């Protein structure tokens, strides 16, 4: 085997570390949501948060915004409808589509969940200097943009 293959250190790969960190963070925030009485995932929270910020959207718009496939988003929304956190309403412009919007219960859930997420972020990142956090975010955004541009081109 060539020396370059033997020198490769998987533990130093950005993708491995980003995935591992994301997994651990999503598991922990889901645990905290459950403790607060909301059996939702981090992905569910992402849907709820986007609906709060941007208003009702179609499932296709949500899937594109969150960079998930339509089937996954449909399943997530079905679960959120069953929990009474979102509702499907016919799109007034095109009756073939539904617009997904928050319910009153969804609004109340976000009033609990947003502080949990904020506190969790603060707790996890408390020992990291602001400059290092900014560099990490800038680097990850750069990698994401590069990958999205490669996908388009």
C-alpha atoms as a PDB file:
ATOM      1  CA  UNK A   1       0.000   0.000   0.000  1.00  0.00           C
ATOM      2  CA  UNK A   2       1.167   3.487  -0.706  1.00  0.00           C
ATOM      3  CA  UNK A   3       2.321   5.629   2.171  1.00  0.00           C
ATOM      4  CA  UNK A   4      -0.443   8.213   1.612  1.00  0.00           C
ATOM      5  CA  UNK A   5      -3.142   5.583   2.203  1.00  0.00           C
ATOM      6  CA  UNK A   6      -1.496   4.389   5.397  1.00  0.00           C
ATOM      7  CA  UNK A   7      -1.112   7.968   6.652  1.00  0.00           C
ATOM      8  CA  UNK A   8      -4.831   8.740   6.326  1.00  0.00           C
ATOM      9  CA  UNK A   9      -6.453   9.379   9.713  1.00  0.00           C
ATOM     10  CA  UNK A  10     -10.233   8.956   9.619  1.00  0.00           C
ATOM     11  CA  UNK A  11     -10.510  10.546  13.064  1.00  0.00           C
ATOM     12  CA  UNK A  12      -9.228  13.792  11.498  1.00  0.00           C
ATOM     13  CA  UNK A  13     -11.861  13.818   8.717  1.00  0.00           C
ATOM     14  CA  UNK A  14     -14.199  16.788   8.967  1.00  0.00           C
ATOM     15  CA  UNK A  15     -17.204  14.793   7.727  1.00  0.00           C
ATOM     16  CA  UNK A  16     -16.779  12.138  10.406  1.00  0.00           C
ATOM     17  CA  UNK A  17     -16.510  14.732  13.153  1.00  0.00           C
ATOM     18  CA  UNK A  18     -19.412  16.841  11.864  1.00  0.00           C
ATOM     19  CA  UNK A  19     -21.655  13.749  11.609  1.00  0.00           C
ATOM     20  CA  UNK A  20     -20.686  12.485  15.045  1.00  0.00           C
ATOM     21  CA  UNK A  21     -21.258  15.873  16.652  1.00  0.00           C
ATOM     22  CA  UNK A  22     -24.571  16.357  14.826  1.00  0.00           C
ATOM     23  CA  UNK A  23     -25.755  12.908  15.930  1.00  0.00           C
ATOM     24  CA  UNK A  24     -24.855  13.522  19.570  1.00  0.00           C
ATOM     25  CA  UNK A  25     -26.435  16.982  19.570  1.00  0.00           C
ATOM     26  CA  UNK A  26     -29.673  15.854  17.913  1.00  0.00           C
ATOM     27  CA  UNK A  27     -30.002  12.926  20.319  1.00  0.00           C
ATOM     28  CA  UNK A  28     -29.469  15.184  23.335  1.00  0.00           C
ATOM     29  CA  UNK A  29     -31.898  17.888  22.215  1.00  0.00           C
ATOM     30  CA  UNK A  30     -34.560  15.247  21.476  1.00  0.00           C
ATOM     31  CA  UNK A  31     -34.044  13.917  25.015  1.00  0.00           C
ATOM     32  CA  UNK A  32     -34.515  17.421  26.430  1.00  0.00           C
ATOM     33  CA  UNK A  33     -37.638  17.978  24.319  1.00  0.00           C
ATOM     34  CA  UNK A  34     -39.053  14.677  25.635  1.00  0.00           C
ATOM     35  CA  UNK A  35     -38.328  15.715  29.229  1.00  0.00           C
ATOM     36  CA  UNK A  36     -40.304  18.898  28.553  1.00  0.00           C
ATOM     37  CA  UNK A  37     -43.231  16.834  27.254  1.00  0.00           C
ATOM     38  CA  UNK A  38     -42.604  17.054  23.506  1.00  0.00           C
ATOM     39  CA  UNK A  39     -41.734  13.811  21.710  1.00  0.00           C
ATOM     40  CA  UNK A  40     -40.167  15.529  18.699  1.00  0.00           C
ATOM     41  CA  UNK A  41     -36.823  15.262  16.942  1.00  0.00           C
ATOM     42  CA  UNK A  42     -34.356  17.985  16.068  1.00  0.00           C
ATOM     43  CA  UNK A  43     -35.601  17.665  12.469  1.00  0.00           C
ATOM     44  CA  UNK A  44     -39.187  18.237  13.669  1.00  0.00           C
ATOM     45  CA  UNK A  45     -38.004  21.297  15.555  1.00  0.00           C
ATOM     46  CA  UNK A  46     -36.371  22.556  12.354  1.00  0.00           C
ATOM     47  CA  UNK A  47     -39.700  22.290  10.537  1.00  0.00           C
ATOM     48  CA  UNK A  48     -41.603  24.020  13.342  1.00  0.00           C
ATOM     49  CA  UNK A  49     -39.029  26.783  13.621  1.00  0.00           C
ATOM     50  CA  UNK A  50     -39.040  27.483   9.871  1.00  0.00           C
ATOM     51  CA  UNK A  51     -42.847  27.620   9.856  1.00  0.00           C
ATOM     52  CA  UNK A  52     -42.753  30.100  12.724  1.00  0.00           C
ATOM     53  CA  UNK A  53     -40.182  32.275  10.935  1.00  0.00           C
ATOM     54  CA  UNK A  54     -41.549  32.052   7.387  1.00  0.00           C
ATOM     55  CA  UNK A  55     -45.214  31.211   7.766  1.00  0.00           C
ATOM     56  CA  UNK A  56     -47.134  28.407   6.054  1.00  0.00           C
ATOM     57  CA  UNK A  57     -45.290  26.548   3.303  1.00  0.00           C
ATOM     58  CA  UNK A  58     -45.836  23.604   0.999  1.00  0.00           C
ATOM     59  CA  UNK A  59     -44.138  20.305   1.797  1.00  0.00           C
ATOM     60  CA  UNK A  60     -41.934  20.767  -1.269  1.00  0.00           C
ATOM     61  CA  UNK A  61     -40.778  24.178   0.017  1.00  0.00           C
ATOM     62  CA  UNK A  62     -40.015  22.695   3.429  1.00  0.00           C
ATOM     63  CA  UNK A  63     -38.079  19.809   1.863  1.00  0.00           C
ATOM     64  CA  UNK A  64     -36.006  22.212  -0.254  1.00  0.00           C
ATOM     65  CA  UNK A  65     -35.352  24.561   2.655  1.00  0.00           C
ATOM     66  CA  UNK A  66     -34.216  21.767   4.968  1.00  0.00           C
ATOM     67  CA  UNK A  67     -32.418  19.857   2.196  1.00  0.00           C
ATOM     68  CA  UNK A  68     -34.365  16.662   2.832  1.00  0.00           C
ATOM     69  CA  UNK A  69     -36.238  14.394   0.449  1.00  0.00           C
ATOM     70  CA  UNK A  70     -39.996  14.831   0.087  1.00  0.00           C
ATOM     71  CA  UNK A  71     -40.773  11.391   1.538  1.00  0.00           C
ATOM     72  CA  UNK A  72     -38.889  12.134   4.769  1.00  0.00           C
ATOM     73  CA  UNK A  73     -40.582  15.523   5.119  1.00  0.00           C
ATOM     74  CA  UNK A  74     -44.018  13.980   4.469  1.00  0.00           C
ATOM     75  CA  UNK A  75     -43.428  11.451   7.269  1.00  0.00           C
ATOM     76  CA  UNK A  76     -42.197  14.171   9.632  1.00  0.00           C
ATOM     77  CA  UNK A  77     -45.205  16.377   8.856  1.00  0.00           C
ATOM     78  CA  UNK A  78     -47.612  13.447   9.281  1.00  0.00           C
ATOM     79  CA  UNK A  79     -46.187  12.949  12.766  1.00  0.00           C
ATOM     80  CA  UNK A  80     -46.438  16.652  13.594  1.00  0.00           C
ATOM     81  CA  UNK A  81     -50.076  16.696  12.398  1.00  0.00           C
ATOM     82  CA  UNK A  82     -50.872  13.704  14.660  1.00  0.00           C
ATOM     83  CA  UNK A  83     -49.293  15.554  17.584  1.00  0.00           C
ATOM     84  CA  UNK A  84     -51.410  18.621  16.809  1.00  0.00           C
ATOM     85  CA  UNK A  85     -48.388  20.862  16.196  1.00  0.00           C
ATOM     86  CA  UNK A  86     -49.039  21.617  12.511  1.00  0.00           C
ATOM     87  CA  UNK A  87     -51.991  21.487  10.146  1.00  0.00           C
ATOM     88  CA  UNK A  88     -52.440  21.051   6.423  1.00  0.00           C
ATOM     89  CA  UNK A  89     -54.655  23.617   4.712  1.00  0.00           C
ATOM     90  CA  UNK A  90     -55.516  23.746   1.014  1.00  0.00           C
ATOM     91  CA  UNK A  91     -53.384  26.275  -0.882  1.00  0.00           C
ATOM     92  CA  UNK A  92     -55.783  29.029  -1.972  1.00  0.00           C
ATOM     93  CA  UNK A  93     -53.732  29.617  -5.143  1.00  0.00           C
ATOM     94  CA  UNK A  94     -53.642  25.939  -6.169  1.00  0.00           C
ATOM     95  CA  UNK A  95     -56.023  23.448  -4.545  1.00  0.00           C
ATOM     96  CA  UNK A  96     -53.744  20.528  -5.538  1.00  0.00           C
ATOM     97  CA  UNK A  97     -51.289  21.595  -2.824  1.00  0.00           C
ATOM     98  CA  UNK A  98     -51.461  21.999   0.912  1.00  0.00           C
ATOM     99  CA  UNK A  99     -49.783  24.680   2.959  1.00  0.00           C
ATOM    100  CA  UNK A 100     -48.378  23.467   6.239  1.00  0.00           C
ATOM    101  CA  UNK A 101     -48.819  25.874   9.131  1.00  0.00           C
ATOM    102  CA  UNK A 102     -48.358  25.916  12.880  1.00  0.00           C
ATOM    103  CA  UNK A 103     -51.304  25.303  15.176  1.00  0.00           C
ATOM    104  CA  UNK A 104     -51.754  27.097  18.487  1.00  0.00           C
ATOM    105  CA  UNK A 105     -50.214  24.059  20.151  1.00  0.00           C
ATOM    106  CA  UNK A 106     -47.253  24.315  17.765  1.00  0.00           C
ATOM    107  CA  UNK A 107     -46.743  27.948  18.789  1.00  0.00           C
ATOM    108  CA  UNK A 108     -46.885  26.975  22.473  1.00  0.00           C
ATOM    109  CA  UNK A 109     -44.439  24.111  21.895  1.00  0.00           C
ATOM    110  CA  UNK A 110     -41.928  26.488  20.300  1.00  0.00           C
ATOM    111  CA  UNK A 111     -42.205  28.786  23.333  1.00  0.00           C
ATOM    112  CA  UNK A 112     -40.821  25.851  25.347  1.00  0.00           C
ATOM    113  CA  UNK A 113     -38.432  24.392  22.762  1.00  0.00           C
ATOM    114  CA  UNK A 114     -36.631  27.534  21.586  1.00  0.00           C
ATOM    115  CA  UNK A 115     -35.286  28.341  25.073  1.00  0.00           C
ATOM    116  CA  UNK A 116     -34.250  24.679  25.457  1.00  0.00           C
ATOM    117  CA  UNK A 117     -32.282  24.852  22.197  1.00  0.00           C
ATOM    118  CA  UNK A 118     -30.781  28.229  23.095  1.00  0.00           C
ATOM    119  CA  UNK A 119     -29.714  26.995  26.554  1.00  0.00           C
ATOM    120  CA  UNK A 120     -28.326  23.759  25.099  1.00  0.00           C
ATOM    121  CA  UNK A 121     -26.262  25.678  22.517  1.00  0.00           C
ATOM    122  CA  UNK A 122     -24.930  27.967  25.247  1.00  0.00           C
ATOM    123  CA  UNK A 123     -24.080  25.008  27.481  1.00  0.00           C
ATOM    124  CA  UNK A 124     -22.314  22.988  24.788  1.00  0.00           C
ATOM    125  CA  UNK A 125     -20.357  25.925  23.391  1.00  0.00           C
ATOM    126  CA  UNK A 126     -19.603  27.731  26.674  1.00  0.00           C
ATOM    127  CA  UNK A 127     -15.905  26.766  26.775  1.00  0.00           C
ATOM    128  CA  UNK A 128     -15.205  27.677  23.155  1.00  0.00           C
ATOM    129  CA  UNK A 129     -14.021  31.235  22.484  1.00  0.00           C
ATOM    130  CA  UNK A 130     -16.328  33.318  20.245  1.00  0.00           C
ATOM    131  CA  UNK A 131     -13.563  33.679  17.648  1.00  0.00           C
ATOM    132  CA  UNK A 132     -13.211  29.884  17.316  1.00  0.00           C
ATOM    133  CA  UNK A 133     -17.002  29.468  17.015  1.00  0.00           C
ATOM    134  CA  UNK A 134     -17.070  32.100  14.259  1.00  0.00           C
ATOM    135  CA  UNK A 135     -14.220  30.373  12.386  1.00  0.00           C
ATOM    136  CA  UNK A 136     -15.953  26.993  12.666  1.00  0.00           C
ATOM    137  CA  UNK A 137     -19.249  28.357  11.348  1.00  0.00           C
ATOM    138  CA  UNK A 138     -17.481  30.230   8.546  1.00  0.00           C
ATOM    139  CA  UNK A 139     -15.573  27.083   7.553  1.00  0.00           C
ATOM    140  CA  UNK A 140     -18.662  24.872   7.572  1.00  0.00           C
ATOM    141  CA  UNK A 141     -20.610  27.431   5.516  1.00  0.00           C
ATOM    142  CA  UNK A 142     -17.738  27.559   3.018  1.00  0.00           C
ATOM    143  CA  UNK A 143     -17.720  23.762   2.686  1.00  0.00           C
ATOM    144  CA  UNK A 144     -21.522  23.688   2.302  1.00  0.00           C
ATOM    145  CA  UNK A 145     -21.476  26.369  -0.390  1.00  0.00           C
ATOM    146  CA  UNK A 146     -18.716  24.590  -2.256  1.00  0.00           C
ATOM    147  CA  UNK A 147     -20.623  21.299  -2.168  1.00  0.00           C
ATOM    148  CA  UNK A 148     -23.887  22.956  -3.251  1.00  0.00           C
ATOM    149  CA  UNK A 149     -22.122  24.733  -6.120  1.00  0.00           C
ATOM    150  CA  UNK A 150     -20.529  21.436  -7.222  1.00  0.00           C
ATOM    151  CA  UNK A 151     -23.981  19.826  -7.127  1.00  0.00           C
ATOM    152  CA  UNK A 152     -25.449  22.559  -9.344  1.00  0.00           C
ATOM    153  CA  UNK A 153     -22.574  22.618 -11.811  1.00  0.00           C
END
